[in-house]
């Protein structure tokens, strides 16, 4: 899927120390997709970082062309966002 990274997403990646290659892997093959709000979707995967396992999430706005990554972040509390299938 071809997505554009917004300036805000790039700034958040830098601020949070998230490598672009890691985010690109998430976008290419997320473990889960969850509906977010108003035409947005959360692409998410469980990822091991040096300080433990986190949920890496990219929020994508699909209402525009090409779809755009609005922000990227990681969360320690996985159960809040993870959907058991």
N, C-alpha and C. Protein backbone atom coordinates (compact mmCIF):
# COMPACT_ATOMS: atom_id res chain seq x y z
N UNK A 1 0.85 -1.18 0.00
CA UNK A 1 0.00 0.00 0.00
C UNK A 1 0.89 1.24 0.00
N UNK A 2 0.65 2.13 -0.91
CA UNK A 2 1.42 3.36 -1.01
C UNK A 2 0.80 4.42 -0.12
N UNK A 3 1.57 4.85 0.89
CA UNK A 3 1.09 5.86 1.82
C UNK A 3 2.08 7.01 1.88
N UNK A 4 1.57 8.16 2.22
CA UNK A 4 2.40 9.35 2.41
C UNK A 4 2.55 9.59 3.90
N UNK A 5 3.76 9.92 4.34
CA UNK A 5 3.99 10.28 5.74
C UNK A 5 3.85 11.80 5.85
N UNK A 6 2.95 12.25 6.70
CA UNK A 6 2.77 13.69 6.89
C UNK A 6 3.96 14.25 7.67
N UNK A 7 4.11 15.55 7.63
CA UNK A 7 5.17 16.20 8.40
C UNK A 7 5.01 15.89 9.88
N UNK A 8 3.78 15.92 10.36
CA UNK A 8 3.54 15.61 11.78
C UNK A 8 4.00 14.19 12.12
N UNK A 9 3.69 13.22 11.25
CA UNK A 9 4.11 11.84 11.50
C UNK A 9 5.63 11.74 11.54
N UNK A 10 6.30 12.41 10.61
CA UNK A 10 7.77 12.39 10.59
C UNK A 10 8.35 13.02 11.86
N UNK A 11 7.76 14.12 12.30
CA UNK A 11 8.21 14.77 13.54
C UNK A 11 8.01 13.87 14.74
N UNK A 12 6.87 13.18 14.80
CA UNK A 12 6.60 12.30 15.92
C UNK A 12 7.53 11.08 15.91
N UNK A 13 7.84 10.57 14.73
CA UNK A 13 8.79 9.46 14.63
C UNK A 13 10.14 9.88 15.21
N UNK A 14 10.60 11.06 14.84
CA UNK A 14 11.88 11.55 15.34
C UNK A 14 11.82 11.78 16.84
N UNK A 15 10.78 12.43 17.31
CA UNK A 15 10.65 12.74 18.74
C UNK A 15 10.59 11.47 19.59
N UNK A 16 9.95 10.43 19.06
CA UNK A 16 9.76 9.19 19.80
C UNK A 16 10.83 8.15 19.51
N UNK A 17 11.80 8.49 18.66
CA UNK A 17 12.90 7.59 18.37
C UNK A 17 12.49 6.36 17.58
N UNK A 18 11.51 6.51 16.69
CA UNK A 18 11.03 5.39 15.87
C UNK A 18 11.67 5.47 14.49
N UNK A 19 12.38 4.42 14.12
CA UNK A 19 13.08 4.40 12.85
C UNK A 19 12.09 4.29 11.68
N UNK A 20 12.44 4.96 10.60
CA UNK A 20 11.57 4.97 9.42
C UNK A 20 11.36 3.54 8.89
N UNK A 21 12.41 2.73 8.86
CA UNK A 21 12.30 1.35 8.35
C UNK A 21 11.30 0.55 9.17
N UNK A 22 11.28 0.76 10.48
CA UNK A 22 10.34 0.06 11.35
C UNK A 22 8.90 0.47 11.02
N UNK A 23 8.69 1.76 10.83
CA UNK A 23 7.36 2.27 10.51
C UNK A 23 6.93 1.78 9.12
N UNK A 24 7.84 1.75 8.18
CA UNK A 24 7.52 1.26 6.83
C UNK A 24 7.12 -0.21 6.86
N UNK A 25 7.81 -1.02 7.68
CA UNK A 25 7.43 -2.44 7.83
C UNK A 25 6.03 -2.57 8.41
N UNK A 26 5.73 -1.73 9.39
CA UNK A 26 4.39 -1.73 9.98
C UNK A 26 3.34 -1.42 8.92
N UNK A 27 3.59 -0.40 8.12
CA UNK A 27 2.63 0.02 7.10
C UNK A 27 2.45 -1.07 6.04
N UNK A 28 3.53 -1.72 5.65
CA UNK A 28 3.47 -2.75 4.61
C UNK A 28 2.76 -4.01 5.07
N UNK A 29 2.97 -4.39 6.33
CA UNK A 29 2.34 -5.63 6.80
C UNK A 29 1.99 -5.55 8.29
N UNK A 30 0.93 -4.82 8.62
CA UNK A 30 0.51 -4.73 10.02
C UNK A 30 -0.09 -6.06 10.49
N UNK A 31 0.05 -6.34 11.77
CA UNK A 31 -0.57 -7.54 12.33
C UNK A 31 -2.07 -7.34 12.46
N UNK A 32 -2.50 -6.11 12.67
CA UNK A 32 -3.93 -5.81 12.77
C UNK A 32 -4.24 -4.44 12.16
N UNK A 33 -5.49 -4.32 11.71
CA UNK A 33 -6.05 -3.04 11.29
C UNK A 33 -7.31 -2.83 12.13
N UNK A 34 -7.40 -1.67 12.75
CA UNK A 34 -8.59 -1.36 13.54
C UNK A 34 -9.16 -0.04 13.06
N UNK A 35 -10.47 -0.01 12.93
CA UNK A 35 -11.12 1.25 12.55
C UNK A 35 -10.89 2.27 13.65
N UNK A 36 -10.56 3.45 13.23
CA UNK A 36 -10.39 4.55 14.17
C UNK A 36 -11.61 5.45 14.02
N UNK A 37 -11.41 6.73 13.82
CA UNK A 37 -12.56 7.63 13.69
C UNK A 37 -12.59 8.29 12.33
N UNK A 38 -13.75 8.56 11.83
CA UNK A 38 -13.98 9.36 10.63
C UNK A 38 -13.02 9.07 9.48
N UNK A 39 -13.05 7.87 8.97
CA UNK A 39 -12.24 7.55 7.80
C UNK A 39 -10.79 7.22 8.08
N UNK A 40 -10.47 7.09 9.35
CA UNK A 40 -9.10 6.75 9.73
C UNK A 40 -9.03 5.31 10.21
N UNK A 41 -7.87 4.71 10.03
CA UNK A 41 -7.64 3.35 10.46
C UNK A 41 -6.31 3.31 11.22
N UNK A 42 -6.24 2.44 12.22
CA UNK A 42 -5.01 2.24 12.97
C UNK A 42 -4.36 0.95 12.49
N UNK A 43 -3.16 1.05 11.96
CA UNK A 43 -2.37 -0.12 11.60
C UNK A 43 -1.48 -0.40 12.81
N UNK A 44 -1.47 -1.64 13.28
CA UNK A 44 -0.73 -1.91 14.50
C UNK A 44 -0.08 -3.28 14.49
N UNK A 45 1.06 -3.36 15.20
CA UNK A 45 1.80 -4.61 15.36
C UNK A 45 2.50 -4.59 16.71
N UNK A 46 2.67 -5.77 17.28
CA UNK A 46 3.46 -5.91 18.49
C UNK A 46 4.93 -5.95 18.08
N UNK A 47 5.74 -5.12 18.76
CA UNK A 47 7.15 -4.99 18.39
C UNK A 47 8.00 -5.04 19.66
N UNK A 48 9.11 -5.77 19.59
CA UNK A 48 10.05 -5.81 20.71
C UNK A 48 11.06 -4.69 20.57
N UNK A 49 11.14 -3.86 21.61
CA UNK A 49 12.12 -2.79 21.72
C UNK A 49 13.09 -3.19 22.82
N UNK A 50 14.23 -2.52 22.94
CA UNK A 50 15.20 -2.88 23.99
C UNK A 50 14.60 -2.87 25.40
N UNK A 51 13.60 -2.02 25.63
CA UNK A 51 12.99 -1.93 26.96
C UNK A 51 11.69 -2.71 27.09
N UNK A 52 11.40 -3.62 26.15
CA UNK A 52 10.23 -4.48 26.28
C UNK A 52 9.35 -4.47 25.03
N UNK A 53 8.24 -5.21 25.14
CA UNK A 53 7.29 -5.30 24.03
C UNK A 53 6.31 -4.13 24.07
N UNK A 54 6.08 -3.55 22.90
CA UNK A 54 5.16 -2.43 22.76
C UNK A 54 4.24 -2.69 21.58
N UNK A 55 3.16 -1.95 21.54
CA UNK A 55 2.28 -1.93 20.39
C UNK A 55 2.65 -0.69 19.58
N UNK A 56 3.08 -0.91 18.35
CA UNK A 56 3.41 0.19 17.46
C UNK A 56 2.19 0.46 16.61
N UNK A 57 1.76 1.72 16.58
CA UNK A 57 0.53 2.09 15.85
C UNK A 57 0.80 3.25 14.89
N UNK A 58 0.22 3.15 13.71
CA UNK A 58 0.24 4.23 12.73
C UNK A 58 -1.22 4.55 12.40
N UNK A 59 -1.59 5.79 12.58
CA UNK A 59 -2.96 6.23 12.27
C UNK A 59 -2.96 6.78 10.84
N UNK A 60 -3.82 6.19 10.00
CA UNK A 60 -3.83 6.50 8.57
C UNK A 60 -5.18 7.11 8.19
N UNK A 61 -5.12 8.22 7.48
CA UNK A 61 -6.33 8.87 6.96
C UNK A 61 -6.53 8.38 5.54
N UNK A 62 -7.59 7.62 5.32
CA UNK A 62 -7.87 7.05 4.00
C UNK A 62 -8.82 7.90 3.16
N UNK A 63 -9.24 9.04 3.69
CA UNK A 63 -10.17 9.90 2.95
C UNK A 63 -9.46 10.71 1.87
N UNK A 64 -8.13 10.77 1.92
CA UNK A 64 -7.39 11.56 0.94
C UNK A 64 -6.52 10.64 0.09
N UNK A 65 -6.11 11.13 -1.06
CA UNK A 65 -5.26 10.37 -1.98
C UNK A 65 -3.90 11.03 -2.10
N UNK A 66 -2.82 10.33 -1.94
CA UNK A 66 -2.77 8.97 -1.42
C UNK A 66 -3.08 8.99 0.07
N UNK A 67 -3.52 7.85 0.62
CA UNK A 67 -3.75 7.78 2.07
C UNK A 67 -2.51 8.25 2.82
N UNK A 68 -2.72 8.93 3.96
CA UNK A 68 -1.61 9.55 4.68
C UNK A 68 -1.51 9.07 6.11
N UNK A 69 -0.28 8.82 6.54
CA UNK A 69 -0.02 8.48 7.94
C UNK A 69 -0.05 9.80 8.71
N UNK A 70 -0.99 9.90 9.63
CA UNK A 70 -1.19 11.13 10.39
C UNK A 70 -0.23 11.20 11.57
N UNK A 71 -0.06 10.09 12.28
CA UNK A 71 0.86 10.04 13.41
C UNK A 71 1.28 8.60 13.65
N UNK A 72 2.36 8.45 14.41
CA UNK A 72 2.91 7.14 14.75
C UNK A 72 3.32 7.19 16.22
N UNK A 73 3.01 6.12 16.95
CA UNK A 73 3.40 6.07 18.36
C UNK A 73 3.45 4.63 18.82
N UNK A 74 4.00 4.42 20.01
CA UNK A 74 4.03 3.09 20.61
C UNK A 74 3.37 3.15 21.98
N UNK A 75 2.77 2.03 22.38
CA UNK A 75 2.08 1.95 23.66
C UNK A 75 2.52 0.70 24.40
N UNK A 76 2.78 0.85 25.68
CA UNK A 76 3.17 -0.29 26.51
C UNK A 76 1.95 -1.15 26.82
N UNK A 77 0.79 -0.52 27.06
CA UNK A 77 -0.42 -1.24 27.45
C UNK A 77 -1.10 -1.77 26.20
N UNK A 78 -0.70 -2.95 25.78
CA UNK A 78 -1.15 -3.55 24.52
C UNK A 78 -2.62 -3.96 24.58
N UNK A 79 -3.05 -4.51 25.69
CA UNK A 79 -4.41 -5.07 25.79
C UNK A 79 -5.50 -4.05 25.49
N UNK A 80 -5.24 -2.79 25.75
CA UNK A 80 -6.25 -1.75 25.50
C UNK A 80 -6.61 -1.65 24.01
N UNK A 81 -5.65 -1.89 23.14
CA UNK A 81 -5.83 -1.69 21.71
C UNK A 81 -5.89 -2.99 20.90
N UNK A 82 -5.36 -4.07 21.46
CA UNK A 82 -5.25 -5.32 20.71
C UNK A 82 -6.58 -6.07 20.68
N UNK A 83 -6.97 -6.51 19.51
CA UNK A 83 -8.21 -7.26 19.36
C UNK A 83 -7.85 -8.74 19.24
N UNK A 84 -8.37 -9.55 20.14
CA UNK A 84 -8.14 -11.00 20.08
C UNK A 84 -8.98 -11.56 18.96
N UNK A 85 -8.35 -12.31 18.08
CA UNK A 85 -9.09 -12.85 16.93
C UNK A 85 -9.39 -14.31 17.10
